[in-house]
N, C-alpha and C. Protein backbone atom coordinates (compact mmCIF):
# COMPACT_ATOMS: atom_id res chain seq x y z
N MET A 1 2.89 -12.60 -2.65
CA MET A 1 2.82 -12.96 -3.72
C MET A 1 3.05 -11.64 -4.74
N LYS A 2 3.58 -11.87 -5.76
CA LYS A 2 4.30 -10.75 -6.38
C LYS A 2 3.56 -11.12 -7.84
N ARG A 3 3.46 -10.01 -8.82
CA ARG A 3 2.69 -9.78 -10.09
C ARG A 3 3.87 -9.37 -11.13
N SER A 4 3.81 -9.97 -12.33
CA SER A 4 4.26 -9.19 -13.00
C SER A 4 3.05 -8.83 -13.85
N GLY A 5 3.30 -7.77 -14.21
CA GLY A 5 1.95 -6.59 -14.99
C GLY A 5 1.25 -6.57 -14.41
N ASP A 6 0.01 -7.49 -14.57
CA ASP A 6 -1.24 -7.50 -13.51
C ASP A 6 -1.51 -9.09 -13.38
N ARG A 7 -0.23 -9.61 -13.48
CA ARG A 7 -0.56 -10.79 -13.00
C ARG A 7 0.34 -11.20 -11.60
N PHE A 8 0.19 -12.00 -10.52
CA PHE A 8 0.48 -12.20 -9.42
C PHE A 8 1.35 -13.72 -9.46
N TRP A 9 2.34 -13.52 -8.69
CA TRP A 9 3.16 -14.78 -8.66
C TRP A 9 3.39 -15.13 -7.19
N ASN A 10 3.38 -16.21 -6.73
CA ASN A 10 3.68 -16.86 -5.42
C ASN A 10 4.85 -16.60 -4.51
N ASN A 11 5.29 -15.91 -3.90
CA ASN A 11 6.43 -16.37 -2.82
C ASN A 11 6.80 -17.57 -2.30
N ASP A 12 7.46 -18.51 -3.16
CA ASP A 12 7.30 -20.13 -2.61
C ASP A 12 8.10 -19.77 -0.98
N ASP A 13 8.61 -19.27 -0.89
CA ASP A 13 9.35 -19.34 0.33
C ASP A 13 9.88 -18.07 0.97
N VAL A 14 9.26 -17.54 2.10
CA VAL A 14 9.88 -16.49 2.93
C VAL A 14 10.27 -17.09 4.03
N GLY A 15 11.66 -16.69 4.59
CA GLY A 15 12.08 -17.09 6.20
C GLY A 15 11.74 -18.76 6.13
N GLY A 16 11.81 -19.22 5.17
CA GLY A 16 11.81 -20.89 5.23
C GLY A 16 10.14 -21.66 5.07
N ARG A 17 9.17 -20.63 4.88
CA ARG A 17 8.02 -21.46 4.83
C ARG A 17 7.11 -20.39 4.03
N LYS A 18 6.18 -21.11 3.25
CA LYS A 18 4.98 -20.20 2.29
C LYS A 18 4.53 -18.97 2.69
N SER A 19 4.60 -18.18 1.62
CA SER A 19 3.86 -16.99 2.12
C SER A 19 2.61 -16.60 1.73
N GLU A 20 1.73 -16.36 2.39
CA GLU A 20 0.02 -16.54 1.76
C GLU A 20 0.03 -14.92 1.96
N THR A 21 0.65 -14.08 2.53
CA THR A 21 0.02 -12.82 3.04
C THR A 21 0.80 -11.23 2.34
N LYS A 22 2.25 -11.88 1.91
CA LYS A 22 3.25 -10.75 1.39
C LYS A 22 2.83 -10.44 0.21
N ILE A 23 2.19 -9.53 -0.54
CA ILE A 23 1.87 -8.95 -1.78
C ILE A 23 3.15 -7.61 -2.08
N CYS A 24 3.52 -8.01 -3.23
CA CYS A 24 4.54 -7.22 -3.91
C CYS A 24 3.99 -6.75 -5.41
N PHE A 25 4.21 -5.71 -5.77
CA PHE A 25 3.52 -5.15 -6.66
C PHE A 25 4.51 -4.48 -7.54
N SER A 26 4.67 -4.68 -9.07
CA SER A 26 5.78 -4.68 -10.17
C SER A 26 5.59 -2.59 -10.07
N HIS A 27 6.85 -2.22 -10.39
CA HIS A 27 7.05 -0.91 -10.68
C HIS A 27 6.23 -0.45 -11.82
N GLY A 28 5.80 0.59 -12.01
CA GLY A 28 5.49 0.90 -13.40
C GLY A 28 4.09 0.73 -13.85
N ALA A 29 3.35 0.59 -12.97
CA ALA A 29 1.64 0.73 -13.08
C ALA A 29 1.25 2.10 -12.69
N SER A 30 0.25 2.32 -13.64
CA SER A 30 -0.57 3.86 -13.41
C SER A 30 -1.32 3.69 -11.89
N ASP A 31 -1.22 5.07 -11.84
CA ASP A 31 -2.39 5.49 -10.30
C ASP A 31 -3.76 4.40 -10.67
N GLU A 32 -4.53 4.48 -11.53
CA GLU A 32 -5.75 3.35 -11.39
C GLU A 32 -5.16 2.29 -11.60
N LYS A 33 -4.44 1.39 -12.32
CA LYS A 33 -3.93 0.21 -11.90
C LYS A 33 -3.53 0.13 -10.75
N GLU A 34 -2.99 0.56 -10.10
CA GLU A 34 -2.62 0.46 -8.52
C GLU A 34 -3.57 0.57 -7.36
N ILE A 35 -4.39 1.27 -7.86
CA ILE A 35 -5.48 1.26 -7.00
C ILE A 35 -6.30 0.29 -7.03
N GLU A 36 -6.64 0.13 -8.10
CA GLU A 36 -7.77 -0.80 -8.82
C GLU A 36 -7.37 -2.51 -8.24
N MET A 37 -5.47 -2.56 -8.39
CA MET A 37 -5.17 -3.76 -7.90
C MET A 37 -5.49 -3.83 -6.63
N ILE A 38 -4.98 -3.28 -5.43
CA ILE A 38 -5.07 -2.86 -4.02
C ILE A 38 -6.74 -3.51 -3.65
N LYS A 39 -7.32 -2.45 -4.49
CA LYS A 39 -8.87 -2.58 -3.98
C LYS A 39 -9.09 -4.11 -3.57
N ARG A 40 -8.72 -4.41 -5.06
CA ARG A 40 -9.12 -6.11 -5.15
C ARG A 40 -8.28 -7.31 -4.65
N GLU A 41 -7.10 -6.82 -4.50
CA GLU A 41 -6.44 -8.16 -3.88
C GLU A 41 -5.91 -7.76 -2.50
N VAL A 42 -6.14 -6.67 -1.84
CA VAL A 42 -5.59 -6.46 -0.41
C VAL A 42 -6.17 -6.69 0.54
N PRO A 43 -8.09 -6.34 0.55
CA PRO A 43 -9.25 -6.40 1.31
C PRO A 43 -9.32 -7.80 1.53
N LYS A 44 -9.34 -8.80 0.31
CA LYS A 44 -9.53 -10.16 0.56
C LYS A 44 -8.69 -11.00 1.18
N ARG A 45 -7.53 -10.42 0.95
CA ARG A 45 -6.33 -11.42 1.69
C ARG A 45 -6.42 -10.90 2.89
N LEU A 46 -6.62 -9.77 3.43
CA LEU A 46 -6.87 -9.81 4.88
C LEU A 46 -7.76 -9.98 5.74
N GLU A 47 -8.74 -10.18 4.78
CA GLU A 47 -10.37 -10.95 5.34
C GLU A 47 -10.00 -12.37 5.91
N LYS A 48 -9.19 -12.62 4.47
CA LYS A 48 -9.01 -14.43 4.74
C LYS A 48 -7.82 -14.49 5.76
N PHE A 49 -6.57 -13.99 5.93
CA PHE A 49 -5.67 -14.16 6.58
C PHE A 49 -6.23 -13.78 8.05
N LYS A 50 -7.02 -12.67 8.19
CA LYS A 50 -7.73 -12.36 9.78
C LYS A 50 -6.62 -12.14 11.03
N PRO A 51 -5.74 -10.85 10.44
CA PRO A 51 -4.68 -10.50 11.31
C PRO A 51 -5.26 -10.02 12.65
N GLU A 52 -4.37 -10.04 13.62
CA GLU A 52 -4.81 -9.30 14.84
C GLU A 52 -4.33 -7.49 14.64
N LEU A 53 -3.55 -7.45 13.82
CA LEU A 53 -2.86 -6.27 13.71
C LEU A 53 -2.24 -6.07 12.28
N ILE A 54 -2.03 -5.24 11.59
CA ILE A 54 -1.61 -4.72 10.27
C ILE A 54 -0.29 -4.33 10.24
N TYR A 55 0.64 -4.04 10.15
CA TYR A 55 1.84 -3.80 9.91
C TYR A 55 2.30 -3.27 8.37
N TRP A 56 2.24 -2.08 7.97
CA TRP A 56 2.18 -1.61 6.63
C TRP A 56 3.28 -0.67 6.27
N ILE A 57 4.40 -1.09 5.48
CA ILE A 57 5.25 0.01 4.81
C ILE A 57 4.81 0.64 3.98
N MET A 58 4.51 1.95 4.16
CA MET A 58 4.00 2.72 3.08
C MET A 58 5.19 3.52 2.47
N GLY A 59 5.64 2.93 1.44
CA GLY A 59 6.69 3.44 1.16
C GLY A 59 6.38 4.31 -0.52
N LEU A 60 7.30 5.66 -0.39
CA LEU A 60 6.94 6.44 -2.01
C LEU A 60 7.95 6.33 -3.10
N ASP A 61 8.60 5.03 -2.76
CA ASP A 61 9.80 4.82 -3.88
C ASP A 61 9.11 4.42 -5.04
N THR A 62 7.92 4.01 -5.47
CA THR A 62 7.14 3.87 -6.55
C THR A 62 6.65 4.87 -7.27
N HIS A 63 7.17 6.05 -6.65
CA HIS A 63 6.56 7.60 -7.20
C HIS A 63 7.16 7.69 -8.46
N GLN A 64 6.92 8.40 -9.33
CA GLN A 64 7.80 8.73 -10.54
C GLN A 64 8.96 9.27 -10.84
N ASP A 65 8.95 10.02 -9.56
CA ASP A 65 10.33 10.82 -9.76
C ASP A 65 11.26 10.30 -8.43
N SER A 66 11.09 9.13 -8.09
CA SER A 66 11.71 8.37 -7.34
C SER A 66 12.31 7.02 -8.18
N TYR A 67 13.75 7.01 -8.21
CA TYR A 67 14.25 5.88 -9.05
C TYR A 67 14.25 5.65 -10.44
N GLY A 68 12.97 6.60 -10.82
CA GLY A 68 12.57 6.44 -12.32
C GLY A 68 12.13 5.64 -12.79
N THR A 69 11.71 4.25 -11.93
CA THR A 69 10.88 2.75 -12.46
C THR A 69 9.57 2.74 -12.65
N ALA A 70 8.70 4.16 -11.80
CA ALA A 70 7.74 3.68 -11.57
C ALA A 70 6.70 5.18 -11.88
N SER A 71 5.52 5.30 -12.24
CA SER A 71 5.10 5.65 -12.87
C SER A 71 3.50 6.40 -11.82
N LEU A 72 3.56 6.02 -10.69
CA LEU A 72 2.84 6.80 -9.36
C LEU A 72 3.12 8.16 -9.40
N THR A 73 1.90 8.62 -9.33
CA THR A 73 1.65 10.14 -8.89
C THR A 73 1.29 10.11 -7.22
N GLU A 74 1.51 11.30 -6.79
CA GLU A 74 1.49 12.02 -5.44
C GLU A 74 -0.13 11.68 -5.03
N ARG A 75 -1.10 11.77 -6.13
CA ARG A 75 -2.46 11.48 -6.26
C ARG A 75 -2.84 9.85 -5.39
N CYS A 76 -2.02 8.96 -5.99
CA CYS A 76 -2.15 8.01 -5.47
C CYS A 76 -1.93 7.53 -4.25
N TYR A 77 -0.95 7.68 -3.38
CA TYR A 77 -0.65 7.41 -2.54
C TYR A 77 -2.13 7.69 -0.92
N PRO A 78 -2.80 9.04 -1.13
CA PRO A 78 -3.92 8.79 -0.34
C PRO A 78 -4.87 8.14 -0.02
N GLU A 79 -5.09 7.88 -1.72
CA GLU A 79 -6.11 6.56 -1.86
C GLU A 79 -5.63 5.14 -1.47
N ILE A 80 -4.82 5.13 -1.66
CA ILE A 80 -3.87 3.52 -0.97
C ILE A 80 -4.45 3.84 0.65
N ALA A 81 -4.17 4.84 0.96
CA ALA A 81 -4.15 4.92 2.50
C ALA A 81 -5.47 4.21 3.07
N LYS A 82 -6.31 5.11 2.17
CA LYS A 82 -7.87 4.94 2.41
C LYS A 82 -8.56 3.45 2.28
N ILE A 83 -7.85 2.59 1.65
CA ILE A 83 -7.97 1.33 1.10
C ILE A 83 -7.49 0.47 2.23
N ILE A 84 -6.39 0.83 2.74
CA ILE A 84 -5.68 0.16 3.95
C ILE A 84 -6.27 0.27 5.40
N LYS A 85 -6.76 1.75 5.39
CA LYS A 85 -7.50 2.06 6.76
C LYS A 85 -8.75 1.36 6.85
N GLU A 86 -9.67 1.59 5.59
CA GLU A 86 -10.72 0.68 5.59
C GLU A 86 -10.95 -0.87 5.94
N ALA A 87 -9.64 -1.79 5.45
CA ALA A 87 -9.63 -3.08 5.56
C ALA A 87 -8.92 -3.05 6.84
N ALA A 88 -8.09 -2.26 7.78
CA ALA A 88 -7.63 -2.30 9.15
C ALA A 88 -9.04 -2.27 9.96
N ASP A 89 -9.85 -1.27 9.40
CA ASP A 89 -10.85 -1.12 10.37
C ASP A 89 -12.21 -2.35 10.26
N GLU A 90 -12.12 -2.92 9.15
CA GLU A 90 -13.05 -4.01 9.00
C GLU A 90 -12.59 -5.35 9.92
N VAL A 91 -11.23 -5.62 9.30
CA VAL A 91 -10.67 -6.92 9.82
C VAL A 91 -9.45 -7.19 11.24
N CYS A 92 -9.31 -6.11 11.80
CA CYS A 92 -8.76 -6.01 12.98
C CYS A 92 -9.09 -4.77 14.06
N ALA A 93 -10.37 -4.27 13.82
CA ALA A 93 -10.41 -3.13 14.47
C ALA A 93 -9.60 -2.13 14.63
N GLY A 94 -9.24 -1.82 13.34
CA GLY A 94 -8.10 -0.54 13.02
C GLY A 94 -7.14 -0.69 13.58
N LYS A 95 -6.45 -1.75 14.04
CA LYS A 95 -5.30 -1.95 14.76
C LYS A 95 -4.07 -1.58 13.55
N LEU A 96 -3.53 -0.95 13.13
CA LEU A 96 -3.02 -0.79 11.96
C LEU A 96 -1.43 0.14 12.43
N ILE A 97 -0.30 -0.29 12.09
CA ILE A 97 0.82 0.03 12.31
C ILE A 97 1.30 0.62 11.09
N VAL A 98 1.72 1.85 10.98
CA VAL A 98 2.32 2.36 9.40
C VAL A 98 3.88 2.73 9.51
N ARG A 99 4.44 2.52 8.66
CA ARG A 99 6.09 2.53 8.76
C ARG A 99 6.25 3.38 7.69
N THR A 100 6.81 4.45 7.54
CA THR A 100 7.11 5.30 6.54
C THR A 100 8.24 4.79 5.82
N SER A 101 8.70 4.75 4.32
CA SER A 101 9.93 4.11 3.70
C SER A 101 9.93 5.15 2.56
N CYS A 102 10.82 5.80 2.62
CA CYS A 102 10.76 7.17 1.54
C CYS A 102 12.10 7.28 0.57
N ASN A 103 11.87 7.37 -0.54
CA ASN A 103 13.01 7.90 -1.48
C ASN A 103 12.45 8.79 -2.51
N ALA A 104 11.29 9.48 -2.03
CA ALA A 104 10.69 10.55 -3.13
C ALA A 104 11.62 11.66 -2.64
N PRO A 105 11.28 12.92 -3.82
CA PRO A 105 11.59 13.96 -3.36
C PRO A 105 10.80 15.11 -2.56
N ALA A 106 11.24 15.98 -2.16
CA ALA A 106 10.53 16.50 -0.37
C ALA A 106 9.28 16.86 -0.98
N ASN A 107 9.41 17.35 -2.03
CA ASN A 107 8.19 18.16 -2.12
C ASN A 107 6.69 17.18 -2.30
N VAL A 108 7.40 15.80 -2.70
CA VAL A 108 6.32 14.68 -2.72
C VAL A 108 5.78 14.24 -1.34
N THR A 109 7.14 14.09 -0.47
CA THR A 109 6.77 13.61 0.65
C THR A 109 6.15 14.83 1.53
N GLU A 110 6.34 16.25 1.12
CA GLU A 110 5.46 17.38 1.91
C GLU A 110 4.05 17.26 1.49
N TYR A 111 3.89 16.81 0.28
CA TYR A 111 2.59 16.62 -0.73
C TYR A 111 1.64 15.35 0.17
N VAL A 112 2.38 14.47 0.14
CA VAL A 112 1.64 12.74 0.43
C VAL A 112 1.63 12.81 1.88
N MET A 113 2.48 13.00 2.48
CA MET A 113 2.35 12.70 4.13
C MET A 113 1.36 13.29 5.06
N PRO A 114 1.23 14.37 5.08
CA PRO A 114 0.18 14.79 5.55
C PRO A 114 -1.15 14.73 5.39
N LYS A 115 -1.35 14.15 4.19
CA LYS A 115 -2.95 13.55 3.74
C LYS A 115 -2.88 11.92 4.23
N ILE A 116 -1.93 11.46 4.25
CA ILE A 116 -2.30 10.25 4.65
C ILE A 116 -2.63 10.15 5.91
N VAL A 117 -1.79 11.22 6.97
CA VAL A 117 -2.28 11.19 8.25
C VAL A 117 -3.29 11.95 8.91
N GLU A 118 -3.62 12.74 7.83
CA GLU A 118 -5.13 12.96 7.88
C GLU A 118 -5.99 11.53 7.76
N ILE A 119 -5.97 10.80 6.52
CA ILE A 119 -6.84 9.76 6.35
C ILE A 119 -6.68 8.90 7.44
N LEU A 120 -5.29 8.62 8.26
CA LEU A 120 -5.40 7.56 9.16
C LEU A 120 -6.05 8.00 10.70
N ALA A 121 -5.58 9.17 10.88
CA ALA A 121 -6.34 10.04 12.05
C ALA A 121 -8.05 10.20 11.98
N GLU A 122 -8.41 10.18 10.52
CA GLU A 122 -9.58 10.58 10.51
C GLU A 122 -10.32 11.94 11.04
N ILE A 123 -9.44 12.61 10.09
CA ILE A 123 -9.22 14.60 10.24
C ILE A 123 -9.83 14.73 8.72
N ARG A 124 -10.68 15.43 9.19
CA ARG A 124 -11.59 15.88 8.19
C ARG A 124 -11.30 17.31 7.79
N ASN A 125 -10.42 17.62 6.76
CA ASN A 125 -10.07 19.01 6.61
C ASN A 125 -10.69 19.61 4.99
N ASN A 126 -11.26 20.36 5.21
CA ASN A 126 -11.87 21.05 3.89
C ASN A 126 -11.66 22.20 3.15
């Protein structure tokens, strides 16, 4: 599914077959809208699909300082990681493979990546 603004549209053909599981978000959403959309869409789709594991490409190219096309901040990504982690725990016993893909500035990556690792590894730093 893809969305334009707050609307999704189907990927009619992915590799010769219809995709019910691919979700792409348009660039330019705020942190709040992005988190809300992911909370609303991702867990229910994973529950319906019932994967044995989740392969998540966690990219930072939607950051406001990357490409100049998005408005997400570094505060958004750890929240997204929590949603994905909780969904993986629920639907496939926590079987989650995370591949990072990043074109964000170094300061963003240095801030975000340790926080995401802490969330995924269930490390509680106070």
